[in-house]
Amino acid sequence: MAIIIDLDVMLAKRKMSVTELSEKVGITQANVSILKNNRAKAIRFSTLDKICSILECQPGDILKYQKESH
């Protein structure tokens, strides 16, 4: 996948657990884990908005683009 979701670093910086983030965002721990482990196929803008608000970051702080090698 060309888009990388880098939640680990931001969660560590904010000293926040997956459980805490999931409760604050209003999504399941399983869905946060899917995002954290880069297994997500998509993310709703409303979810991204909540994550950024809670982690006090910009989308570019947690979303990275990586060229796919062919």
PDB file of N, CA and C in Angstrom:
ATOM      1  N   MET A   1       0.845  -1.180   0.000  1.00  0.00           N
ATOM      2  CA  MET A   1       0.000   0.000   0.000  1.00  0.00           C
ATOM      3  C   MET A   1       0.887   1.239   0.000  1.00  0.00           C
ATOM      4  N   ALA A   2       0.527   2.235  -0.779  1.00  0.00           N
ATOM      5  CA  ALA A   2       1.339   3.435  -0.921  1.00  0.00           C
ATOM      6  C   ALA A   2       1.141   4.434   0.219  1.00  0.00           C
ATOM      7  N   ILE A   3      -0.007   4.388   0.887  1.00  0.00           N
ATOM      8  CA  ILE A   3      -0.260   5.295   2.005  1.00  0.00           C
ATOM      9  C   ILE A   3      -0.002   4.545   3.305  1.00  0.00           C
ATOM     10  N   ILE A   4       0.861   5.096   4.128  1.00  0.00           N
ATOM     11  CA  ILE A   4       1.223   4.499   5.413  1.00  0.00           C
ATOM     12  C   ILE A   4       0.568   5.315   6.526  1.00  0.00           C
ATOM     13  N   ILE A   5      -0.091   4.643   7.449  1.00  0.00           N
ATOM     14  CA  ILE A   5      -0.673   5.312   8.611  1.00  0.00           C
ATOM     15  C   ILE A   5       0.269   5.072   9.783  1.00  0.00           C
ATOM     16  N   ASP A   6       0.893   6.139  10.244  1.00  0.00           N
ATOM     17  CA  ASP A   6       1.942   6.043  11.260  1.00  0.00           C
ATOM     18  C   ASP A   6       1.410   6.497  12.621  1.00  0.00           C
ATOM     19  N   LEU A   7       0.530   5.687  13.198  1.00  0.00           N
ATOM     20  CA  LEU A   7      -0.075   6.042  14.482  1.00  0.00           C
ATOM     21  C   LEU A   7       0.841   5.753  15.665  1.00  0.00           C
ATOM     22  N   ASP A   8       1.708   4.755  15.541  1.00  0.00           N
ATOM     23  CA  ASP A   8       2.572   4.346  16.661  1.00  0.00           C
ATOM     24  C   ASP A   8       3.344   5.512  17.263  1.00  0.00           C
ATOM     25  N   VAL A   9       3.986   6.279  16.404  1.00  0.00           N
ATOM     26  CA  VAL A   9       4.831   7.381  16.867  1.00  0.00           C
ATOM     27  C   VAL A   9       3.996   8.430  17.591  1.00  0.00           C
ATOM     28  N   MET A  10       2.855   8.794  16.998  1.00  0.00           N
ATOM     29  CA  MET A  10       2.019   9.834  17.601  1.00  0.00           C
ATOM     30  C   MET A  10       1.396   9.352  18.908  1.00  0.00           C
ATOM     31  N   LEU A  11       0.984   8.085  18.960  1.00  0.00           N
ATOM     32  CA  LEU A  11       0.448   7.542  20.212  1.00  0.00           C
ATOM     33  C   LEU A  11       1.518   7.569  21.298  1.00  0.00           C
ATOM     34  N   ALA A  12       2.744   7.214  20.941  1.00  0.00           N
ATOM     35  CA  ALA A  12       3.846   7.229  21.916  1.00  0.00           C
ATOM     36  C   ALA A  12       4.131   8.650  22.385  1.00  0.00           C
ATOM     37  N   LYS A  13       4.147   9.610  21.450  1.00  0.00           N
ATOM     38  CA  LYS A  13       4.402  11.010  21.819  1.00  0.00           C
ATOM     39  C   LYS A  13       3.344  11.533  22.782  1.00  0.00           C
ATOM     40  N   ARG A  14       2.100  11.090  22.583  1.00  0.00           N
ATOM     41  CA  ARG A  14       0.991  11.560  23.420  1.00  0.00           C
ATOM     42  C   ARG A  14       0.767  10.662  24.636  1.00  0.00           C
ATOM     43  N   LYS A  15       1.604   9.610  24.757  1.00  0.00           N
ATOM     44  CA  LYS A  15       1.477   8.642  25.864  1.00  0.00           C
ATOM     45  C   LYS A  15       0.043   8.128  25.961  1.00  0.00           C
ATOM     46  N   MET A  16      -0.480   7.691  24.810  1.00  0.00           N
ATOM     47  CA  MET A  16      -1.858   7.232  24.730  1.00  0.00           C
ATOM     48  C   MET A  16      -1.890   5.795  24.216  1.00  0.00           C
ATOM     49  N   SER A  17      -2.774   5.001  24.774  1.00  0.00           N
ATOM     50  CA  SER A  17      -2.920   3.607  24.355  1.00  0.00           C
ATOM     51  C   SER A  17      -3.953   3.490  23.232  1.00  0.00           C
ATOM     52  N   VAL A  18      -3.936   2.348  22.563  1.00  0.00           N
ATOM     53  CA  VAL A  18      -4.933   2.051  21.538  1.00  0.00           C
ATOM     54  C   VAL A  18      -6.329   2.081  22.161  1.00  0.00           C
ATOM     55  N   THR A  19      -6.450   1.535  23.354  1.00  0.00           N
ATOM     56  CA  THR A  19      -7.740   1.512  24.055  1.00  0.00           C
ATOM     57  C   THR A  19      -8.250   2.923  24.302  1.00  0.00           C
ATOM     58  N   GLU A  20      -7.383   3.783  24.813  1.00  0.00           N
ATOM     59  CA  GLU A  20      -7.774   5.166  25.105  1.00  0.00           C
ATOM     60  C   GLU A  20      -8.173   5.903  23.833  1.00  0.00           C
ATOM     61  N   LEU A  21      -7.379   5.745  22.766  1.00  0.00           N
ATOM     62  CA  LEU A  21      -7.703   6.412  21.504  1.00  0.00           C
ATOM     63  C   LEU A  21      -9.040   5.905  20.966  1.00  0.00           C
ATOM     64  N   SER A  22      -9.251   4.601  21.002  1.00  0.00           N
ATOM     65  CA  SER A  22     -10.505   4.050  20.472  1.00  0.00           C
ATOM     66  C   SER A  22     -11.715   4.593  21.230  1.00  0.00           C
ATOM     67  N   GLU A  23     -11.598   4.705  22.548  1.00  0.00           N
ATOM     68  CA  GLU A  23     -12.702   5.241  23.352  1.00  0.00           C
ATOM     69  C   GLU A  23     -12.974   6.699  23.012  1.00  0.00           C
ATOM     70  N   LYS A  24     -11.916   7.490  22.853  1.00  0.00           N
ATOM     71  CA  LYS A  24     -12.087   8.919  22.572  1.00  0.00           C
ATOM     72  C   LYS A  24     -12.611   9.171  21.160  1.00  0.00           C
ATOM     73  N   VAL A  25     -12.179   8.346  20.197  1.00  0.00           N
ATOM     74  CA  VAL A  25     -12.614   8.521  18.808  1.00  0.00           C
ATOM     75  C   VAL A  25     -14.011   7.940  18.596  1.00  0.00           C
ATOM     76  N   GLY A  26     -14.324   6.891  19.349  1.00  0.00           N
ATOM     77  CA  GLY A  26     -15.621   6.247  19.192  1.00  0.00           C
ATOM     78  C   GLY A  26     -15.604   5.121  18.175  1.00  0.00           C
ATOM     79  N   ILE A  27     -14.443   4.485  18.010  1.00  0.00           N
ATOM     80  CA  ILE A  27     -14.332   3.310  17.145  1.00  0.00           C
ATOM     81  C   ILE A  27     -13.758   2.162  17.974  1.00  0.00           C
ATOM     82  N   THR A  28     -13.873   0.960  17.461  1.00  0.00           N
ATOM     83  CA  THR A  28     -13.419  -0.201  18.223  1.00  0.00           C
ATOM     84  C   THR A  28     -11.893  -0.257  18.294  1.00  0.00           C
ATOM     85  N   GLN A  29     -11.402  -0.947  19.311  1.00  0.00           N
ATOM     86  CA  GLN A  29      -9.957  -1.172  19.427  1.00  0.00           C
ATOM     87  C   GLN A  29      -9.450  -1.920  18.201  1.00  0.00           C
ATOM     88  N   ALA A  30     -10.260  -2.843  17.698  1.00  0.00           N
ATOM     89  CA  ALA A  30      -9.876  -3.609  16.507  1.00  0.00           C
ATOM     90  C   ALA A  30      -9.651  -2.685  15.316  1.00  0.00           C
ATOM     91  N   ASN A  31     -10.524  -1.686  15.149  1.00  0.00           N
ATOM     92  CA  ASN A  31     -10.361  -0.754  14.028  1.00  0.00           C
ATOM     93  C   ASN A  31      -9.141   0.143  14.204  1.00  0.00           C
ATOM     94  N   VAL A  32      -8.851   0.560  15.427  1.00  0.00           N
ATOM     95  CA  VAL A  32      -7.630   1.339  15.668  1.00  0.00           C
ATOM     96  C   VAL A  32      -6.414   0.468  15.354  1.00  0.00           C
ATOM     97  N   SER A  33      -6.448  -0.791  15.749  1.00  0.00           N
ATOM     98  CA  SER A  33      -5.336  -1.708  15.465  1.00  0.00           C
ATOM     99  C   SER A  33      -5.153  -1.909  13.966  1.00  0.00           C
ATOM    100  N   ILE A  34      -6.251  -2.001  13.226  1.00  0.00           N
ATOM    101  CA  ILE A  34      -6.171  -2.128  11.766  1.00  0.00           C
ATOM    102  C   ILE A  34      -5.473  -0.906  11.180  1.00  0.00           C
ATOM    103  N   LEU A  35      -5.830   0.279  11.655  1.00  0.00           N
ATOM    104  CA  LEU A  35      -5.170   1.504  11.188  1.00  0.00           C
ATOM    105  C   LEU A  35      -3.695   1.494  11.574  1.00  0.00           C
ATOM    106  N   LYS A  36      -3.426   1.165  12.830  1.00  0.00           N
ATOM    107  CA  LYS A  36      -2.067   1.193  13.376  1.00  0.00           C
ATOM    108  C   LYS A  36      -1.141   0.212  12.660  1.00  0.00           C
ATOM    109  N   ASN A  37      -1.695  -0.920  12.239  1.00  0.00           N
ATOM    110  CA  ASN A  37      -0.888  -1.955  11.594  1.00  0.00           C
ATOM    111  C   ASN A  37      -0.926  -1.886  10.070  1.00  0.00           C
ATOM    112  N   ASN A  38      -1.418  -0.762   9.537  1.00  0.00           N
ATOM    113  CA  ASN A  38      -1.458  -0.516   8.091  1.00  0.00           C
ATOM    114  C   ASN A  38      -2.206  -1.586   7.310  1.00  0.00           C
ATOM    115  N   ARG A  39      -3.288  -2.084   7.878  1.00  0.00           N
ATOM    116  CA  ARG A  39      -4.117  -3.054   7.170  1.00  0.00           C
ATOM    117  C   ARG A  39      -5.408  -2.409   6.663  1.00  0.00           C
ATOM    118  N   ALA A  40      -5.580  -1.120   6.910  1.00  0.00           N
ATOM    119  CA  ALA A  40      -6.803  -0.422   6.491  1.00  0.00           C
ATOM    120  C   ALA A  40      -6.770  -0.154   4.993  1.00  0.00           C
ATOM    121  N   LYS A  41      -7.915  -0.323   4.356  1.00  0.00           N
ATOM    122  CA  LYS A  41      -8.053  -0.008   2.929  1.00  0.00           C
ATOM    123  C   LYS A  41      -8.490   1.442   2.738  1.00  0.00           C
ATOM    124  N   ALA A  42      -9.109   2.012   3.771  1.00  0.00           N
ATOM    125  CA  ALA A  42      -9.615   3.388   3.695  1.00  0.00           C
ATOM    126  C   ALA A  42      -9.820   3.911   5.108  1.00  0.00           C
ATOM    127  N   ILE A  43      -9.962   5.235   5.209  1.00  0.00           N
ATOM    128  CA  ILE A  43     -10.303   5.862   6.484  1.00  0.00           C
ATOM    129  C   ILE A  43     -11.283   6.993   6.188  1.00  0.00           C
ATOM    130  N   ARG A  44     -12.326   7.080   6.961  1.00  0.00           N
ATOM    131  CA  ARG A  44     -13.302   8.166   6.795  1.00  0.00           C
ATOM    132  C   ARG A  44     -12.655   9.481   7.234  1.00  0.00           C
ATOM    133  N   PHE A  45     -12.984  10.544   6.523  1.00  0.00           N
ATOM    134  CA  PHE A  45     -12.474  11.860   6.919  1.00  0.00           C
ATOM    135  C   PHE A  45     -12.939  12.215   8.321  1.00  0.00           C
ATOM    136  N   SER A  46     -14.150  11.814   8.688  1.00  0.00           N
ATOM    137  CA  SER A  46     -14.650  12.123  10.031  1.00  0.00           C
ATOM    138  C   SER A  46     -13.813  11.414  11.099  1.00  0.00           C
ATOM    139  N   THR A  47     -13.382  10.184  10.819  1.00  0.00           N
ATOM    140  CA  THR A  47     -12.519   9.452  11.756  1.00  0.00           C
ATOM    141  C   THR A  47     -11.143  10.093  11.816  1.00  0.00           C
ATOM    142  N   LEU A  48     -10.592  10.437  10.657  1.00  0.00           N
ATOM    143  CA  LEU A  48      -9.286  11.101  10.606  1.00  0.00           C
ATOM    144  C   LEU A  48      -9.341  12.428  11.355  1.00  0.00           C
ATOM    145  N   ASP A  49     -10.430  13.161  11.185  1.00  0.00           N
ATOM    146  CA  ASP A  49     -10.619  14.435  11.879  1.00  0.00           C
ATOM    147  C   ASP A  49     -10.592  14.239  13.395  1.00  0.00           C
ATOM    148  N   LYS A  50     -11.310  13.234  13.887  1.00  0.00           N
ATOM    149  CA  LYS A  50     -11.342  12.964  15.328  1.00  0.00           C
ATOM    150  C   LYS A  50      -9.970  12.546  15.845  1.00  0.00           C
ATOM    151  N   ILE A  51      -9.291  11.674  15.094  1.00  0.00           N
ATOM    152  CA  ILE A  51      -7.956  11.220  15.510  1.00  0.00           C
ATOM    153  C   ILE A  51      -7.005  12.408  15.612  1.00  0.00           C
ATOM    154  N   CYS A  52      -7.014  13.263  14.591  1.00  0.00           N
ATOM    155  CA  CYS A  52      -6.125  14.435  14.595  1.00  0.00           C
ATOM    156  C   CYS A  52      -6.472  15.392  15.731  1.00  0.00           C
ATOM    157  N   SER A  53      -7.750  15.570  15.989  1.00  0.00           N
ATOM    158  CA  SER A  53      -8.178  16.451  17.077  1.00  0.00           C
ATOM    159  C   SER A  53      -7.704  15.916  18.425  1.00  0.00           C
ATOM    160  N   ILE A  54      -7.894  14.635  18.655  1.00  0.00           N
ATOM    161  CA  ILE A  54      -7.515  14.019  19.928  1.00  0.00           C
ATOM    162  C   ILE A  54      -5.999  13.980  20.108  1.00  0.00           C
ATOM    163  N   LEU A  55      -5.275  13.655  19.027  1.00  0.00           N
ATOM    164  CA  LEU A  55      -3.810  13.574  19.116  1.00  0.00           C
ATOM    165  C   LEU A  55      -3.135  14.930  18.919  1.00  0.00           C
ATOM    166  N   GLU A  56      -3.952  15.963  18.652  1.00  0.00           N
ATOM    167  CA  GLU A  56      -3.444  17.320  18.417  1.00  0.00           C
ATOM    168  C   GLU A  56      -2.344  17.310  17.358  1.00  0.00           C
ATOM    169  N   CYS A  57      -2.717  16.800  16.175  1.00  0.00           N
ATOM    170  CA  CYS A  57      -1.755  16.713  15.081  1.00  0.00           C
ATOM    171  C   CYS A  57      -2.454  17.023  13.760  1.00  0.00           C
ATOM    172  N   GLN A  58      -1.682  17.099  12.714  1.00  0.00           N
ATOM    173  CA  GLN A  58      -2.182  17.300  11.364  1.00  0.00           C
ATOM    174  C   GLN A  58      -2.243  15.944  10.663  1.00  0.00           C
ATOM    175  N   PRO A  59      -3.107  15.792   9.647  1.00  0.00           N
ATOM    176  CA  PRO A  59      -3.147  14.526   8.919  1.00  0.00           C
ATOM    177  C   PRO A  59      -1.767  14.099   8.401  1.00  0.00           C
ATOM    178  N   GLY A  60      -0.972  15.061   7.968  1.00  0.00           N
ATOM    179  CA  GLY A  60       0.368  14.754   7.465  1.00  0.00           C
ATOM    180  C   GLY A  60       1.318  14.219   8.524  1.00  0.00           C
ATOM    181  N   ASP A  61       0.964  14.392   9.793  1.00  0.00           N
ATOM    182  CA  ASP A  61       1.789  13.839  10.869  1.00  0.00           C
ATOM    183  C   ASP A  61       1.603  12.333  11.007  1.00  0.00           C
ATOM    184  N   ILE A  62       0.461  11.820  10.554  1.00  0.00           N
ATOM    185  CA  ILE A  62       0.207  10.384  10.694  1.00  0.00           C
ATOM    186  C   ILE A  62       0.032   9.661   9.359  1.00  0.00           C
ATOM    187  N   LEU A  63      -0.170  10.400   8.277  1.00  0.00           N
ATOM    188  CA  LEU A  63      -0.291   9.793   6.950  1.00  0.00           C
ATOM    189  C   LEU A  63       0.965  10.075   6.145  1.00  0.00           C
ATOM    190  N   LYS A  64       1.557   9.035   5.598  1.00  0.00           N
ATOM    191  CA  LYS A  64       2.769   9.168   4.785  1.00  0.00           C
ATOM    192  C   LYS A  64       2.532   8.492   3.438  1.00  0.00           C
ATOM    193  N   TYR A  65       3.138   9.045   2.392  1.00  0.00           N
ATOM    194  CA  TYR A  65       3.070   8.435   1.066  1.00  0.00           C
ATOM    195  C   TYR A  65       4.392   7.750   0.781  1.00  0.00           C
ATOM    196  N   GLN A  66       4.315   6.506   0.351  1.00  0.00           N
ATOM    197  CA  GLN A  66       5.513   5.753   0.002  1.00  0.00           C
ATOM    198  C   GLN A  66       5.302   5.152  -1.384  1.00  0.00           C
ATOM    199  N   LYS A  67       6.222   5.437  -2.305  1.00  0.00           N
ATOM    200  CA  LYS A  67       6.099   4.885  -3.654  1.00  0.00           C
ATOM    201  C   LYS A  67       6.157   3.371  -3.601  1.00  0.00           C
ATOM    202  N   GLU A  68       5.282   2.744  -4.378  1.00  0.00           N
ATOM    203  CA  GLU A  68       5.299   1.288  -4.470  1.00  0.00           C
ATOM    204  C   GLU A  68       6.341   0.876  -5.491  1.00  0.00           C
ATOM    205  N   SER A  69       7.105  -0.143  -5.166  1.00  0.00           N
ATOM    206  CA  SER A  69       8.088  -0.651  -6.128  1.00  0.00           C
ATOM    207  C   SER A  69       7.420  -1.726  -6.975  1.00  0.00           C
ATOM    208  N   HIS A  70       7.661  -1.653  -8.270  1.00  0.00           N
ATOM    209  CA  HIS A  70       7.020  -2.618  -9.187  1.00  0.00           C
ATOM    210  C   HIS A  70       8.015  -3.616  -9.686  1.00  0.00           C
TER     211      HIS A  70
END
